[in-house]
Amino acid sequence: MPAHAMNERSEADKPESPWGKLAVRVTLLAVTVGAVVAGAAAVSGAGSCAPSAGTVSGGAADVVCYHLVRTLAERVGIATAVVTAILALTVVGLSRLAAQQDVYAASDRPR
C-alpha cells in the first residue's frame, strides 16, 4: 500500500468541525421556526380575507387580500428566522463564555 494512501482519510472518517455543526443546527432551527411562524401567520390572517356573511355578493374571497396576507406572513417568517438565529447564537456564545470562565476560575485556585 502506498504511503500517501495510508495518510489520506475518506470523507466519512474526517471529523466535522464544531463550527459547521453549530451553523447547520442554528440554520435548521431558524428555518423551522420561521416556516412555522409564516404558516401560522398566513392561516390566521387569511380568515379576514373571506367575504363576510352580510355582503350582497357572497362571492369569492378577495384575491388582493390573500396576496397581502401571504406577503406579510413571509416577511414575518423571515424576520422571525433572523431573530431566532441571533438569539440562538447569543445563547451559545454566552454558555461558552460561562464555561470558559469556570475553567479560568478553576485554574486560578491554589492547590
Protein backbone atom coordinates (compact mmCIF):
# COMPACT_ATOMS: atom_id res chain seq x y z
CA MET A 1 0.00 0.00 0.00
CA PRO A 2 1.47 3.40 -0.93
CA ALA A 3 2.36 5.78 1.88
CA HIS A 4 0.04 8.52 0.62
CA ALA A 5 -2.92 6.16 0.67
CA MET A 6 -2.39 5.45 4.36
CA ASN A 7 -2.26 9.15 5.26
CA GLU A 8 -5.42 10.11 3.41
CA ARG A 9 -8.75 9.77 5.11
CA SER A 10 -12.04 9.24 3.41
CA GLU A 11 -14.68 11.96 3.74
CA ALA A 12 -16.62 9.81 6.22
CA ASP A 13 -13.58 9.47 8.51
CA LYS A 14 -12.88 13.21 8.78
CA PRO A 15 -14.30 14.78 11.89
CA GLU A 16 -16.72 17.59 11.22
CA SER A 17 -15.81 20.94 12.72
CA PRO A 18 -17.87 22.15 15.68
CA TRP A 19 -18.47 25.45 13.86
CA GLY A 20 -20.04 23.57 10.93
CA LYS A 21 -22.32 21.61 13.23
CA LEU A 22 -23.34 24.80 15.01
CA ALA A 23 -24.05 26.55 11.72
CA VAL A 24 -26.19 23.68 10.48
CA ARG A 25 -28.15 23.42 13.73
CA VAL A 26 -28.79 27.15 14.00
CA THR A 27 -29.84 27.30 10.35
CA LEU A 28 -32.24 24.38 10.74
CA LEU A 29 -33.70 25.91 13.90
CA ALA A 30 -34.14 29.32 12.28
CA VAL A 31 -35.72 27.90 9.11
CA THR A 32 -38.08 25.68 11.09
CA VAL A 33 -39.22 28.44 13.43
CA GLY A 34 -39.56 30.90 10.53
CA ALA A 35 -41.63 28.43 8.49
CA VAL A 36 -43.95 27.66 11.41
CA VAL A 37 -44.47 31.34 12.15
CA ALA A 38 -45.05 32.16 8.47
CA GLY A 39 -47.57 29.35 8.17
CA ALA A 40 -49.40 30.35 11.32
CA ALA A 41 -49.47 34.00 10.22
CA ALA A 42 -50.80 33.06 6.79
CA VAL A 43 -53.53 30.83 8.20
CA SER A 44 -54.63 33.27 10.87
CA GLY A 45 -54.60 36.26 8.52
CA ALA A 46 -56.37 34.52 5.66
CA GLY A 47 -59.58 34.28 7.65
CA SER A 48 -60.01 38.02 7.48
CA CYS A 49 -59.97 37.86 3.67
CA ALA A 50 -63.12 35.74 3.46
CA PRO A 51 -66.30 37.56 2.49
CA SER A 52 -68.44 38.49 5.44
CA ALA A 53 -71.89 36.93 5.84
CA GLY A 54 -73.69 40.26 5.43
CA THR A 55 -72.32 41.10 1.97
CA VAL A 56 -74.59 41.06 -1.07
CA SER A 57 -72.11 39.39 -3.39
CA GLY A 58 -71.37 36.41 -1.17
CA GLY A 59 -68.81 35.52 -3.82
CA ALA A 60 -65.19 34.57 -3.69
CA ALA A 61 -62.73 35.99 -1.25
CA ASP A 62 -60.59 38.98 -2.08
CA VAL A 63 -57.51 37.88 -4.05
CA VAL A 64 -55.61 41.05 -3.22
CA CYS A 65 -56.20 40.43 0.48
CA TYR A 66 -54.82 36.88 0.21
CA HIS A 67 -51.75 38.14 -1.64
CA LEU A 68 -51.16 40.81 1.00
CA VAL A 69 -51.57 38.33 3.85
CA ARG A 70 -49.20 35.86 2.19
CA THR A 71 -46.57 38.55 1.57
CA LEU A 72 -46.77 39.83 5.14
CA ALA A 73 -46.65 36.27 6.51
CA GLU A 74 -43.47 35.60 4.51
CA ARG A 75 -41.88 38.75 5.87
CA VAL A 76 -42.83 37.88 9.44
CA GLY A 77 -41.40 34.37 8.94
CA ILE A 78 -38.10 35.74 7.59
CA ALA A 79 -37.82 38.27 10.40
CA THR A 80 -38.55 35.58 12.98
CA ALA A 81 -35.94 33.27 11.43
CA VAL A 82 -33.30 36.01 11.62
CA VAL A 83 -34.15 36.85 15.22
CA THR A 84 -34.14 33.15 16.14
CA ALA A 85 -30.66 32.72 14.66
CA ILE A 86 -29.36 35.78 16.51
CA LEU A 87 -30.84 34.63 19.82
CA ALA A 88 -29.56 31.06 19.39
CA LEU A 89 -26.05 32.29 18.63
CA THR A 90 -26.20 34.65 21.61
CA VAL A 91 -27.21 31.83 23.96
CA VAL A 92 -24.46 29.57 22.59
CA GLY A 93 -21.89 32.33 22.94
CA LEU A 94 -22.92 33.14 26.50
CA SER A 95 -22.87 29.48 27.53
CA ARG A 96 -19.38 29.04 26.06
CA LEU A 97 -18.23 32.21 27.79
CA ALA A 98 -19.59 30.98 31.12
CA ALA A 99 -17.93 27.59 30.65
CA GLN A 100 -14.63 29.28 29.78
CA GLN A 101 -14.83 31.49 32.87
CA ASP A 102 -15.42 28.41 35.01
CA VAL A 103 -12.26 26.84 33.57
CA TYR A 104 -10.26 30.01 34.25
CA ALA A 105 -11.65 30.28 37.77
CA ALA A 106 -10.74 26.65 38.47
CA SER A 107 -7.18 27.15 37.17
CA ASP A 108 -6.67 30.27 39.34
CA ARG A 109 -7.45 28.43 42.58
CA PRO A 110 -4.44 27.50 44.68
CA ARG A 111 -3.84 23.82 45.03
